[in-house]
Amino acid sequence: MARWSWLPRLRRPAPALPEDEPLVFAGSASPNLTAAICRDLGVRVGRGKVLRFSEGTLFVRVLQNVRGRRVFLVQSTVFPTNDHFMELLFWIDAFKRASAESVTALIPYFAYGKGDKKDEPRVSIRARVCADAIEGAGADRVVTLDLHAPQMQGFFRVPVDDLYAADRLCTALRRELPERPVIVSPDAGFAKKARAYADRLGAPLAIADKTRTGHDERTEKVSLIGDVEGRDAIIVDDFTVSGGTLIEAAEELRRNGARSVIAAITHAVFSPGTAARLEASPIERLFVTDTIETQPEPLGPRVEVVSVAPLFAEAIRRIHRRESISSLFNGEQPPAS
């Protein structure tokens, strides 16, 4: 029998490797939220370190192999905003240079999301600059929560998933929902999102329309649209910095006969003095999420924190498995952690 030695030897295909688990890393702005996300996913937080030098520069280093892996970085950009934003860019660059297959930036609170337009002469569109920087650093995808200006998704050329906190907050509100609630938007711009809260809770909608002309975060006038007399008002909003909008809306609601006022917001930015102002306000309780954990002062006894870790964990799970996450925008609750 002839020997065909030149034919390639046939080999059995190697057994398929199990699906790699996602690698989830924490930026220095979001260690607690990242730990909660990883507990939900059943994975360990990725190993890395951040050094801050005396002249104010940052150094980041990935302390484990990420070659060919899908990486997820969790980093809010606030307190201090610019430091945490630069750190976000350095992490993305470090992962890409370490040959990660993909890098998804999870930005629970995107501080520069407010700078989405050129509404005055000779000003920067800050959100666009930030989007270009994140994309230029190498991010393959961005996941965030309740962008102040949803249209800034169009500033990116990579996919952007803007998740909603409404379901998580409504679940917390239902536990102590008053008999005659009314949902209140603190301004006309948030009315559409406030309507989603009203629909979920089966309550009417009112609008406390505000007028603001400067950049000093002070509201000049509040006009109420809707009937709140004898009702328990629930103010909803995406974020608060000084608390001024919430407090002035609450005062206007009480002047118009509201029986009580509570509030629910996604991002508790809380600059110095905000907690004290809320303590002295008509707002009896404030529900917030855990997207920000670097506030300069404690949140205060009236504040209840609702975790969005299950929401981000489910987004990571579906992105990692290359599944659709559209149902997360349609009100589907992630599994209880």
C-alpha atoms as a PDB file:
ATOM      1  CA  MET A   1       0.000   0.000   0.000  1.00  0.00           C
ATOM      2  CA  ALA A   2       1.331   3.394  -0.941  1.00  0.00           C
ATOM      3  CA  ARG A   3       2.019   5.818   1.860  1.00  0.00           C
ATOM      4  CA  TRP A   4       0.747   9.284   1.187  1.00  0.00           C
ATOM      5  CA  SER A   5       3.117  11.014   3.567  1.00  0.00           C
ATOM      6  CA  TRP A   6       2.523  14.388   2.011  1.00  0.00           C
ATOM      7  CA  LEU A   7      -1.128  14.461   3.076  1.00  0.00           C
ATOM      8  CA  PRO A   8      -1.795  16.580   6.178  1.00  0.00           C
ATOM      9  CA  ARG A   9      -2.529  14.567   9.266  1.00  0.00           C
ATOM     10  CA  LEU A  10      -6.184  14.872  10.247  1.00  0.00           C
ATOM     11  CA  ARG A  11      -6.687  16.000  13.803  1.00  0.00           C
ATOM     12  CA  ARG A  12      -9.714  15.926  15.966  1.00  0.00           C
ATOM     13  CA  PRO A  13     -11.064  19.411  16.539  1.00  0.00           C
ATOM     14  CA  ALA A  14     -10.162  20.822  19.926  1.00  0.00           C
ATOM     15  CA  PRO A  15     -13.035  20.772  22.399  1.00  0.00           C
ATOM     16  CA  ALA A  16     -14.929  24.054  22.537  1.00  0.00           C
ATOM     17  CA  LEU A  17     -13.825  26.259  25.387  1.00  0.00           C
ATOM     18  CA  PRO A  18     -16.471  27.414  27.852  1.00  0.00           C
ATOM     19  CA  GLU A  19     -17.684  30.938  27.286  1.00  0.00           C
ATOM     20  CA  ASP A  20     -15.361  33.425  28.952  1.00  0.00           C
ATOM     21  CA  GLU A  21     -16.923  35.337  31.766  1.00  0.00           C
ATOM     22  CA  PRO A  22     -16.963  39.116  31.379  1.00  0.00           C
ATOM     23  CA  LEU A  23     -14.142  41.076  32.979  1.00  0.00           C
ATOM     24  CA  VAL A  24     -15.599  43.941  35.005  1.00  0.00           C
ATOM     25  CA  PHE A  25     -13.277  46.636  36.358  1.00  0.00           C
ATOM     26  CA  ALA A  26     -13.984  49.502  38.750  1.00  0.00           C
ATOM     27  CA  GLY A  27     -12.826  53.043  38.193  1.00  0.00           C
ATOM     28  CA  SER A  28     -12.039  54.941  41.386  1.00  0.00           C
ATOM     29  CA  ALA A  29     -15.379  56.791  41.166  1.00  0.00           C
ATOM     30  CA  SER A  30     -17.542  53.635  41.318  1.00  0.00           C
ATOM     31  CA  PRO A  31     -16.005  50.855  43.459  1.00  0.00           C
ATOM     32  CA  ASN A  32     -19.159  50.089  45.462  1.00  0.00           C
ATOM     33  CA  LEU A  33     -21.486  49.978  42.464  1.00  0.00           C
ATOM     34  CA  THR A  34     -18.989  47.799  40.594  1.00  0.00           C
ATOM     35  CA  ALA A  35     -18.784  45.370  43.521  1.00  0.00           C
ATOM     36  CA  ALA A  36     -22.591  45.112  43.574  1.00  0.00           C
ATOM     37  CA  ILE A  37     -22.687  44.522  39.799  1.00  0.00           C
ATOM     38  CA  CYS A  38     -20.071  41.774  40.105  1.00  0.00           C
ATOM     39  CA  ARG A  39     -21.993  40.084  42.940  1.00  0.00           C
ATOM     40  CA  ASP A  40     -25.056  40.004  40.693  1.00  0.00           C
ATOM     41  CA  LEU A  41     -22.996  38.534  37.838  1.00  0.00           C
ATOM     42  CA  GLY A  42     -21.143  36.082  40.077  1.00  0.00           C
ATOM     43  CA  VAL A  43     -17.698  37.324  38.994  1.00  0.00           C
ATOM     44  CA  ARG A  44     -14.779  38.973  40.756  1.00  0.00           C
ATOM     45  CA  VAL A  45     -13.955  42.644  40.280  1.00  0.00           C
ATOM     46  CA  GLY A  46     -11.061  43.001  37.854  1.00  0.00           C
ATOM     47  CA  ARG A  47      -7.659  43.898  39.277  1.00  0.00           C
ATOM     48  CA  GLY A  48      -6.189  47.301  38.536  1.00  0.00           C
ATOM     49  CA  LYS A  49      -4.751  50.321  40.283  1.00  0.00           C
ATOM     50  CA  VAL A  50      -4.785  54.101  40.007  1.00  0.00           C
ATOM     51  CA  LEU A  51      -1.939  56.315  41.207  1.00  0.00           C
ATOM     52  CA  ARG A  52      -2.206  60.071  41.702  1.00  0.00           C
ATOM     53  CA  PHE A  53       1.033  61.979  41.540  1.00  0.00           C
ATOM     54  CA  SER A  54       1.820  65.163  43.462  1.00  0.00           C
ATOM     55  CA  GLU A  55       1.488  67.404  40.406  1.00  0.00           C
ATOM     56  CA  GLY A  56      -2.067  66.134  39.812  1.00  0.00           C
ATOM     57  CA  THR A  57      -1.517  63.615  37.016  1.00  0.00           C
ATOM     58  CA  LEU A  58      -2.954  60.089  37.006  1.00  0.00           C
ATOM     59  CA  PHE A  59      -1.488  56.672  36.244  1.00  0.00           C
ATOM     60  CA  VAL A  60      -3.627  53.556  35.675  1.00  0.00           C
ATOM     61  CA  ARG A  61      -2.473  49.979  35.303  1.00  0.00           C
ATOM     62  CA  VAL A  62      -4.341  46.760  34.547  1.00  0.00           C
ATOM     63  CA  LEU A  63      -3.099  44.013  36.868  1.00  0.00           C
ATOM     64  CA  GLN A  64      -4.371  40.956  35.004  1.00  0.00           C
ATOM     65  CA  ASN A  65      -4.382  39.538  31.496  1.00  0.00           C
ATOM     66  CA  VAL A  66      -7.201  40.930  29.321  1.00  0.00           C
ATOM     67  CA  ARG A  67      -5.902  39.798  25.918  1.00  0.00           C
ATOM     68  CA  GLY A  68      -8.796  38.720  23.696  1.00  0.00           C
ATOM     69  CA  ARG A  69     -11.351  39.320  26.461  1.00  0.00           C
ATOM     70  CA  ARG A  70     -14.463  41.478  26.577  1.00  0.00           C
ATOM     71  CA  VAL A  71     -13.879  44.160  29.209  1.00  0.00           C
ATOM     72  CA  PHE A  72     -16.408  46.331  31.035  1.00  0.00           C
ATOM     73  CA  LEU A  73     -15.300  49.400  32.977  1.00  0.00           C
ATOM     74  CA  VAL A  74     -17.615  51.131  35.479  1.00  0.00           C
ATOM     75  CA  GLN A  75     -16.788  54.781  36.109  1.00  0.00           C
ATOM     76  CA  SER A  76     -19.022  57.748  36.929  1.00  0.00           C
ATOM     77  CA  THR A  77     -17.611  61.153  36.021  1.00  0.00           C
ATOM     78  CA  VAL A  78     -18.173  63.480  38.974  1.00  0.00           C
ATOM     79  CA  PHE A  79     -16.483  64.625  42.219  1.00  0.00           C
ATOM     80  CA  PRO A  80     -13.887  65.415  40.914  1.00  0.00           C
ATOM     81  CA  THR A  81     -15.417  65.413  37.452  1.00  0.00           C
ATOM     82  CA  ASN A  82     -12.373  66.164  35.335  1.00  0.00           C
ATOM     83  CA  ASP A  83     -10.075  63.753  37.208  1.00  0.00           C
ATOM     84  CA  HIS A  84     -12.579  60.937  36.878  1.00  0.00           C
ATOM     85  CA  PHE A  85     -13.187  61.692  33.227  1.00  0.00           C
ATOM     86  CA  MET A  86      -9.458  61.599  32.439  1.00  0.00           C
ATOM     87  CA  GLU A  87      -9.152  58.373  34.429  1.00  0.00           C
ATOM     88  CA  LEU A  88     -11.941  56.888  32.288  1.00  0.00           C
ATOM     89  CA  LEU A  89      -9.971  57.688  29.128  1.00  0.00           C
ATOM     90  CA  PHE A  90      -6.746  56.230  30.538  1.00  0.00           C
ATOM     91  CA  TRP A  91      -8.494  52.986  31.513  1.00  0.00           C
ATOM     92  CA  ILE A  92      -9.986  52.586  28.047  1.00  0.00           C
ATOM     93  CA  ASP A  93      -6.600  53.207  26.433  1.00  0.00           C
ATOM     94  CA  ALA A  94      -4.868  50.767  28.814  1.00  0.00           C
ATOM     95  CA  PHE A  95      -7.323  47.980  28.004  1.00  0.00           C
ATOM     96  CA  LYS A  96      -7.016  48.512  24.268  1.00  0.00           C
ATOM     97  CA  ARG A  97      -3.199  48.531  24.451  1.00  0.00           C
ATOM     98  CA  ALA A  98      -3.423  45.299  26.461  1.00  0.00           C
ATOM     99  CA  SER A  99      -5.233  43.730  23.469  1.00  0.00           C
ATOM    100  CA  ALA A 100      -8.716  43.453  24.951  1.00  0.00           C
ATOM    101  CA  GLU A 101     -11.185  42.213  22.349  1.00  0.00           C
ATOM    102  CA  SER A 102     -13.618  45.015  23.221  1.00  0.00           C
ATOM    103  CA  VAL A 103     -14.023  47.703  25.868  1.00  0.00           C
ATOM    104  CA  THR A 104     -17.455  48.800  27.055  1.00  0.00           C
ATOM    105  CA  ALA A 105     -17.502  51.955  29.175  1.00  0.00           C
ATOM    106  CA  LEU A 106     -20.303  51.923  31.733  1.00  0.00           C
ATOM    107  CA  ILE A 107     -20.769  55.536  32.798  1.00  0.00           C
ATOM    108  CA  PRO A 108     -23.571  55.535  35.397  1.00  0.00           C
ATOM    109  CA  TYR A 109     -23.538  59.348  35.611  1.00  0.00           C
ATOM    110  CA  PHE A 110     -22.243  61.322  32.634  1.00  0.00           C
ATOM    111  CA  ALA A 111     -21.600  64.765  34.120  1.00  0.00           C
ATOM    112  CA  TYR A 112     -21.007  66.611  30.855  1.00  0.00           C
ATOM    113  CA  GLY A 113     -24.270  65.283  29.424  1.00  0.00           C
ATOM    114  CA  LYS A 114     -25.760  68.698  30.233  1.00  0.00           C
ATOM    115  CA  GLY A 115     -23.502  70.410  27.698  1.00  0.00           C
ATOM    116  CA  ASP A 116     -25.261  69.109  24.595  1.00  0.00           C
ATOM    117  CA  LYS A 117     -25.840  72.273  22.577  1.00  0.00           C
ATOM    118  CA  LYS A 118     -24.427  75.643  21.543  1.00  0.00           C
ATOM    119  CA  ASP A 119     -27.068  77.890  23.065  1.00  0.00           C
ATOM    120  CA  GLU A 120     -24.831  80.961  23.473  1.00  0.00           C
ATOM    121  CA  PRO A 121     -22.194  82.597  21.253  1.00  0.00           C
ATOM    122  CA  ARG A 122     -18.605  81.307  21.445  1.00  0.00           C
ATOM    123  CA  VAL A 123     -19.189  78.319  23.737  1.00  0.00           C
ATOM    124  CA  SER A 124     -18.088  74.709  23.540  1.00  0.00           C
ATOM    125  CA  ILE A 125     -20.466  71.792  23.019  1.00  0.00           C
ATOM    126  CA  ARG A 126     -18.869  69.962  25.934  1.00  0.00           C
ATOM    127  CA  ALA A 127     -20.753  66.690  25.579  1.00  0.00           C
ATOM    128  CA  ARG A 128     -19.572  66.348  21.983  1.00  0.00           C
ATOM    129  CA  VAL A 129     -15.950  66.945  23.018  1.00  0.00           C
ATOM    130  CA  CYS A 130     -16.281  64.241  25.686  1.00  0.00           C
ATOM    131  CA  ALA A 131     -17.895  61.823  23.238  1.00  0.00           C
ATOM    132  CA  ASP A 132     -15.044  62.331  20.769  1.00  0.00           C
ATOM    133  CA  ALA A 133     -12.483  61.742  23.533  1.00  0.00           C
ATOM    134  CA  ILE A 134     -14.138  58.503  24.727  1.00  0.00           C
ATOM    135  CA  GLU A 135     -14.376  57.221  21.178  1.00  0.00           C
ATOM    136  CA  GLY A 136     -10.829  58.313  20.392  1.00  0.00           C
ATOM    137  CA  ALA A 137      -9.496  56.480  23.465  1.00  0.00           C
ATOM    138  CA  GLY A 138     -10.886  53.274  21.997  1.00  0.00           C
ATOM    139  CA  ALA A 139     -14.252  52.526  23.607  1.00  0.00           C
ATOM    140  CA  ASP A 140     -16.290  50.074  21.552  1.00  0.00           C
ATOM    141  CA  ARG A 141     -19.570  50.722  23.358  1.00  0.00           C
ATOM    142  CA  VAL A 142     -20.996  53.059  26.000  1.00  0.00           C
ATOM    143  CA  VAL A 143     -23.678  52.211  28.541  1.00  0.00           C
ATOM    144  CA  THR A 144     -25.114  54.955  30.707  1.00  0.00           C
ATOM    145  CA  LEU A 145     -28.237  55.790  32.707  1.00  0.00           C
ATOM    146  CA  ASP A 146     -30.776  58.582  32.209  1.00  0.00           C
ATOM    147  CA  LEU A 147     -28.700  60.940  30.107  1.00  0.00           C
ATOM    148  CA  HIS A 148     -29.800  64.502  30.730  1.00  0.00           C
ATOM    149  CA  ALA A 149     -29.896  64.999  26.966  1.00  0.00           C
ATOM    150  CA  PRO A 150     -30.714  61.678  25.240  1.00  0.00           C
ATOM    151  CA  GLN A 151     -29.888  63.172  21.847  1.00  0.00           C
ATOM    152  CA  MET A 152     -26.194  63.109  22.748  1.00  0.00           C
ATOM    153  CA  GLN A 153     -26.243  59.409  21.825  1.00  0.00           C
ATOM    154  CA  GLY A 154     -25.901  60.789  18.304  1.00  0.00           C
ATOM    155  CA  PHE A 155     -22.566  62.380  19.210  1.00  0.00           C
ATOM    156  CA  PHE A 156     -21.005  58.900  19.196  1.00  0.00           C
ATOM    157  CA  ARG A 157     -20.267  56.622  16.257  1.00  0.00           C
ATOM    158  CA  VAL A 158     -20.140  53.585  18.574  1.00  0.00           C
ATOM    159  CA  PRO A 159     -23.290  52.071  20.124  1.00  0.00           C
ATOM    160  CA  VAL A 160     -24.681  53.913  23.147  1.00  0.00           C
ATOM    161  CA  ASP A 161     -27.241  52.327  25.481  1.00  0.00           C
ATOM    162  CA  ASP A 162     -29.055  54.869  27.654  1.00  0.00           C
ATOM    163  CA  LEU A 163     -30.783  52.805  30.339  1.00  0.00           C
ATOM    164  CA  TYR A 164     -33.694  54.061  32.465  1.00  0.00           C
ATOM    165  CA  ALA A 165     -33.929  54.107  36.259  1.00  0.00           C
ATOM    166  CA  ALA A 166     -37.727  54.566  36.293  1.00  0.00           C
ATOM    167  CA  ASP A 167     -38.559  50.907  36.938  1.00  0.00           C
ATOM    168  CA  ARG A 168     -36.107  50.603  39.819  1.00  0.00           C
ATOM    169  CA  LEU A 169     -37.375  53.818  41.416  1.00  0.00           C
ATOM    170  CA  CYS A 170     -41.043  52.973  40.840  1.00  0.00           C
ATOM    171  CA  THR A 171     -40.540  49.628  42.568  1.00  0.00           C
ATOM    172  CA  ALA A 172     -39.262  51.501  45.624  1.00  0.00           C
ATOM    173  CA  LEU A 173     -42.089  54.062  45.440  1.00  0.00           C
ATOM    174  CA  ARG A 174     -44.791  51.385  45.280  1.00  0.00           C
ATOM    175  CA  ARG A 175     -43.789  50.096  48.701  1.00  0.00           C
ATOM    176  CA  GLU A 176     -45.184  53.242  50.281  1.00  0.00           C
ATOM    177  CA  LEU A 177     -47.339  54.754  47.568  1.00  0.00           C
ATOM    178  CA  PRO A 178     -49.917  57.166  49.079  1.00  0.00           C
ATOM    179  CA  GLU A 179     -53.634  56.881  48.342  1.00  0.00           C
ATOM    180  CA  ARG A 180     -53.911  59.893  46.029  1.00  0.00           C
ATOM    181  CA  PRO A 181     -50.512  60.357  44.363  1.00  0.00           C
ATOM    182  CA  VAL A 182     -49.739  62.872  41.661  1.00  0.00           C
ATOM    183  CA  ILE A 183     -46.486  62.736  39.707  1.00  0.00           C
ATOM    184  CA  VAL A 184     -44.808  66.115  39.263  1.00  0.00           C
ATOM    185  CA  SER A 185     -42.231  67.045  36.667  1.00  0.00           C
ATOM    186  CA  PRO A 186     -40.012  69.887  37.960  1.00  0.00           C
ATOM    187  CA  ASP A 187     -39.904  71.460  34.493  1.00  0.00           C
ATOM    188  CA  ALA A 188     -41.449  71.116  31.058  1.00  0.00           C
ATOM    189  CA  GLY A 189     -38.326  69.476  29.648  1.00  0.00           C
ATOM    190  CA  PHE A 190     -38.700  66.411  31.896  1.00  0.00           C
ATOM    191  CA  ALA A 191     -42.463  66.071  31.314  1.00  0.00           C
ATOM    192  CA  LYS A 192     -42.164  63.177  28.841  1.00  0.00           C
ATOM    193  CA  LYS A 193     -40.100  61.074  31.230  1.00  0.00           C
ATOM    194  CA  ALA A 194     -42.355  62.083  34.131  1.00  0.00           C
ATOM    195  CA  ARG A 195     -45.298  60.748  32.122  1.00  0.00           C
ATOM    196  CA  ALA A 196     -43.585  57.341  32.104  1.00  0.00           C
ATOM    197  CA  TYR A 197     -43.511  57.441  35.917  1.00  0.00           C
ATOM    198  CA  ALA A 198     -47.171  58.462  36.018  1.00  0.00           C
ATOM    199  CA  ASP A 199     -48.163  55.612  33.715  1.00  0.00           C
ATOM    200  CA  ARG A 200     -46.246  53.057  35.763  1.00  0.00           C
ATOM    201  CA  LEU A 201     -47.777  54.243  39.029  1.00  0.00           C
ATOM    202  CA  GLY A 202     -51.279  54.915  37.679  1.00  0.00           C
ATOM    203  CA  ALA A 203     -51.227  58.553  38.749  1.00  0.00           C
ATOM    204  CA  PRO A 204     -51.998  61.908  37.083  1.00  0.00           C
ATOM    205  CA  LEU A 205     -49.242  64.269  35.991  1.00  0.00           C
ATOM    206  CA  ALA A 206     -48.536  67.876  36.968  1.00  0.00           C
ATOM    207  CA  ILE A 207     -45.702  70.178  35.867  1.00  0.00           C
ATOM    208  CA  ALA A 208     -43.899  72.713  38.035  1.00  0.00           C
ATOM    209  CA  ASP A 209     -42.495  74.813  35.205  1.00  0.00           C
ATOM    210  CA  LYS A 210     -39.392  76.804  36.108  1.00  0.00           C
ATOM    211  CA  THR A 211     -37.633  79.817  34.644  1.00  0.00           C
ATOM    212  CA  ARG A 212     -33.837  80.027  34.790  1.00  0.00           C
ATOM    213  CA  THR A 213     -31.765  82.582  32.868  1.00  0.00           C
ATOM    214  CA  GLY A 214     -28.210  82.121  34.161  1.00  0.00           C
ATOM    215  CA  HIS A 215     -25.690  79.416  35.033  1.00  0.00           C
ATOM    216  CA  ASP A 216     -25.844  79.868  38.825  1.00  0.00           C
ATOM    217  CA  GLU A 217     -28.269  76.926  39.313  1.00  0.00           C
ATOM    218  CA  ARG A 218     -30.913  79.254  40.794  1.00  0.00           C
ATOM    219  CA  THR A 219     -34.516  79.156  39.651  1.00  0.00           C
ATOM    220  CA  GLU A 220     -36.215  82.528  39.309  1.00  0.00           C
ATOM    221  CA  LYS A 221     -39.866  81.481  39.044  1.00  0.00           C
ATOM    222  CA  VAL A 222     -41.973  78.330  39.346  1.00  0.00           C
ATOM    223  CA  SER A 223     -45.430  78.042  37.754  1.00  0.00           C
ATOM    224  CA  LEU A 224     -47.605  75.008  38.511  1.00  0.00           C
ATOM    225  CA  ILE A 225     -49.596  73.309  35.747  1.00  0.00           C
ATOM    226  CA  GLY A 226     -52.080  70.769  37.067  1.00  0.00           C
ATOM    227  CA  ASP A 227     -54.167  70.057  40.171  1.00  0.00           C
ATOM    228  CA  VAL A 228     -52.356  68.919  43.323  1.00  0.00           C
ATOM    229  CA  GLU A 229     -54.751  70.076  46.042  1.00  0.00           C
ATOM    230  CA  GLY A 230     -55.294  67.366  48.646  1.00  0.00           C
ATOM    231  CA  ARG A 231     -52.916  64.992  46.867  1.00  0.00           C
ATOM    232  CA  ASP A 232     -49.562  63.481  47.806  1.00  0.00           C
ATOM    233  CA  ALA A 233     -47.034  64.824  45.305  1.00  0.00           C
ATOM    234  CA  ILE A 234     -44.096  62.828  43.990  1.00  0.00           C
ATOM    235  CA  ILE A 235     -41.487  64.952  42.198  1.00  0.00           C
ATOM    236  CA  VAL A 236     -39.371  63.011  39.686  1.00  0.00           C
ATOM    237  CA  ASP A 237     -36.226  64.192  37.922  1.00  0.00           C
ATOM    238  CA  ASP A 238     -32.985  62.884  36.448  1.00  0.00           C
ATOM    239  CA  PHE A 239     -30.568  64.650  38.814  1.00  0.00           C
ATOM    240  CA  THR A 240     -30.126  67.401  41.361  1.00  0.00           C
ATOM    241  CA  VAL A 241     -26.989  69.369  42.199  1.00  0.00           C
ATOM    242  CA  SER A 242     -27.937  72.110  44.660  1.00  0.00           C
ATOM    243  CA  GLY A 243     -31.442  70.823  45.381  1.00  0.00           C
ATOM    244  CA  GLY A 244     -32.843  74.202  44.370  1.00  0.00           C
ATOM    245  CA  THR A 245     -35.222  72.988  41.666  1.00  0.00           C
ATOM    246  CA  LEU A 246     -36.640  70.210  43.880  1.00  0.00           C
ATOM    247  CA  ILE A 247     -37.064  72.457  46.901  1.00  0.00           C
ATOM    248  CA  GLU A 248     -38.709  75.318  45.017  1.00  0.00           C
ATOM    249  CA  ALA A 249     -41.050  72.887  43.284  1.00  0.00           C
ATOM    250  CA  ALA A 250     -41.917  71.330  46.649  1.00  0.00           C
ATOM    251  CA  GLU A 251     -42.652  74.742  48.170  1.00  0.00           C
ATOM    252  CA  GLU A 252     -44.894  75.641  45.226  1.00  0.00           C
ATOM    253  CA  LEU A 253     -46.729  72.318  45.585  1.00  0.00           C
ATOM    254  CA  ARG A 254     -47.411  72.925  49.263  1.00  0.00           C
ATOM    255  CA  ARG A 255     -48.627  76.463  48.518  1.00  0.00           C
ATOM    256  CA  ASN A 256     -51.085  74.905  46.048  1.00  0.00           C
ATOM    257  CA  GLY A 257     -52.508  72.502  48.594  1.00  0.00           C
ATOM    258  CA  ALA A 258     -50.420  69.336  48.200  1.00  0.00           C
ATOM    259  CA  ARG A 259     -50.836  67.167  51.300  1.00  0.00           C
ATOM    260  CA  SER A 260     -47.260  65.865  51.253  1.00  0.00           C
ATOM    261  CA  VAL A 261     -44.205  65.891  48.990  1.00  0.00           C
ATOM    262  CA  ILE A 262     -41.639  63.184  48.305  1.00  0.00           C
ATOM    263  CA  ALA A 263     -39.175  62.980  45.420  1.00  0.00           C
ATOM    264  CA  ALA A 264     -37.361  60.405  43.306  1.00  0.00           C
ATOM    265  CA  ILE A 265     -34.307  61.250  41.215  1.00  0.00           C
ATOM    266  CA  THR A 266     -31.761  59.155  39.365  1.00  0.00           C
ATOM    267  CA  HIS A 267     -28.495  60.940  40.108  1.00  0.00           C
ATOM    268  CA  ALA A 268     -27.833  62.407  43.574  1.00  0.00           C
ATOM    269  CA  VAL A 269     -25.064  64.779  42.553  1.00  0.00           C
ATOM    270  CA  PHE A 270     -25.368  66.780  45.814  1.00  0.00           C
ATOM    271  CA  SER A 271     -22.863  69.610  45.945  1.00  0.00           C
ATOM    272  CA  PRO A 272     -21.825  70.911  49.411  1.00  0.00           C
ATOM    273  CA  GLY A 273     -24.835  72.133  51.395  1.00  0.00           C
ATOM    274  CA  THR A 274     -27.459  70.235  49.382  1.00  0.00           C
ATOM    275  CA  ALA A 275     -28.233  67.693  52.114  1.00  0.00           C
ATOM    276  CA  ALA A 276     -28.792  70.447  54.678  1.00  0.00           C
ATOM    277  CA  ARG A 277     -31.091  72.363  52.323  1.00  0.00           C
ATOM    278  CA  LEU A 278     -33.155  69.236  51.695  1.00  0.00           C
ATOM    279  CA  GLU A 279     -33.441  68.617  55.441  1.00  0.00           C
ATOM    280  CA  ALA A 280     -34.990  72.070  55.855  1.00  0.00           C
ATOM    281  CA  SER A 281     -37.338  71.653  52.866  1.00  0.00           C
ATOM    282  CA  PRO A 282     -40.931  70.333  52.592  1.00  0.00           C
ATOM    283  CA  ILE A 283     -39.597  67.145  50.933  1.00  0.00           C
ATOM    284  CA  GLU A 284     -40.270  64.371  53.419  1.00  0.00           C
ATOM    285  CA  ARG A 285     -38.334  61.642  51.612  1.00  0.00           C
ATOM    286  CA  LEU A 286     -36.013  61.434  48.650  1.00  0.00           C
ATOM    287  CA  PHE A 287     -35.299  58.263  46.659  1.00  0.00           C
ATOM    288  CA  VAL A 288     -32.032  58.221  44.688  1.00  0.00           C
ATOM    289  CA  THR A 289     -29.938  55.578  42.905  1.00  0.00           C
ATOM    290  CA  ASP A 290     -26.343  54.585  43.618  1.00  0.00           C
ATOM    291  CA  THR A 291     -24.840  55.977  40.401  1.00  0.00           C
ATOM    292  CA  ILE A 292     -22.763  58.455  42.427  1.00  0.00           C
ATOM    293  CA  GLU A 293     -20.777  57.524  45.524  1.00  0.00           C
ATOM    294  CA  THR A 294     -18.204  60.323  45.763  1.00  0.00           C
ATOM    295  CA  GLN A 295     -20.405  63.154  47.079  1.00  0.00           C
ATOM    296  CA  PRO A 296     -18.468  65.611  49.276  1.00  0.00           C
ATOM    297  CA  GLU A 297     -21.020  65.213  52.121  1.00  0.00           C
ATOM    298  CA  PRO A 298     -23.294  62.428  53.461  1.00  0.00           C
ATOM    299  CA  LEU A 299     -26.675  62.229  51.751  1.00  0.00           C
ATOM    300  CA  GLY A 300     -28.717  62.743  54.920  1.00  0.00           C
ATOM    301  CA  PRO A 301     -31.387  60.752  56.814  1.00  0.00           C
ATOM    302  CA  ARG A 302     -34.247  61.576  54.437  1.00  0.00           C
ATOM    303  CA  VAL A 303     -32.498  59.940  51.487  1.00  0.00           C
ATOM    304  CA  GLU A 304     -33.080  56.282  50.546  1.00  0.00           C
ATOM    305  CA  VAL A 305     -30.686  54.727  48.030  1.00  0.00           C
ATOM    306  CA  VAL A 306     -32.073  52.334  45.403  1.00  0.00           C
ATOM    307  CA  SER A 307     -29.420  50.209  43.684  1.00  0.00           C
ATOM    308  CA  VAL A 308     -29.253  50.042  39.899  1.00  0.00           C
ATOM    309  CA  ALA A 309     -26.585  47.322  40.039  1.00  0.00           C
ATOM    310  CA  PRO A 310     -29.048  44.635  38.801  1.00  0.00           C
ATOM    311  CA  LEU A 311     -29.895  46.808  35.794  1.00  0.00           C
ATOM    312  CA  PHE A 312     -26.252  47.304  34.799  1.00  0.00           C
ATOM    313  CA  ALA A 313     -25.453  43.658  35.530  1.00  0.00           C
ATOM    314  CA  GLU A 314     -28.215  42.511  33.199  1.00  0.00           C
ATOM    315  CA  ALA A 315     -26.959  44.892  30.496  1.00  0.00           C
ATOM    316  CA  ILE A 316     -23.440  43.457  30.851  1.00  0.00           C
ATOM    317  CA  ARG A 317     -24.802  39.912  30.778  1.00  0.00           C
ATOM    318  CA  ARG A 318     -26.725  40.493  27.563  1.00  0.00           C
ATOM    319  CA  ILE A 319     -23.965  42.446  25.820  1.00  0.00           C
ATOM    320  CA  HIS A 320     -21.446  39.757  26.737  1.00  0.00           C
ATOM    321  CA  ARG A 321     -23.716  37.014  25.352  1.00  0.00           C
ATOM    322  CA  ARG A 322     -24.463  39.152  22.290  1.00  0.00           C
ATOM    323  CA  GLU A 323     -28.161  39.215  23.174  1.00  0.00           C
ATOM    324  CA  SER A 324     -30.607  42.059  22.675  1.00  0.00           C
ATOM    325  CA  ILE A 325     -30.962  44.533  25.511  1.00  0.00           C
ATOM    326  CA  SER A 326     -33.922  46.355  23.970  1.00  0.00           C
ATOM    327  CA  SER A 327     -36.285  44.821  26.535  1.00  0.00           C
ATOM    328  CA  LEU A 328     -34.439  46.757  29.249  1.00  0.00           C
ATOM    329  CA  PHE A 329     -35.775  49.929  27.626  1.00  0.00           C
ATOM    330  CA  ASN A 330     -39.326  48.568  27.534  1.00  0.00           C
ATOM    331  CA  GLY A 331     -39.825  48.206  31.255  1.00  0.00           C
ATOM    332  CA  GLU A 332     -38.589  44.638  31.760  1.00  0.00           C
ATOM    333  CA  GLN A 333     -37.174  44.245  35.261  1.00  0.00           C
ATOM    334  CA  PRO A 334     -33.842  42.435  35.581  1.00  0.00           C
ATOM    335  CA  PRO A 335     -33.874  39.351  37.800  1.00  0.00           C
ATOM    336  CA  ALA A 336     -33.749  40.053  41.520  1.00  0.00           C
ATOM    337  CA  SER A 337     -30.237  39.834  42.877  1.00  0.00           C
END
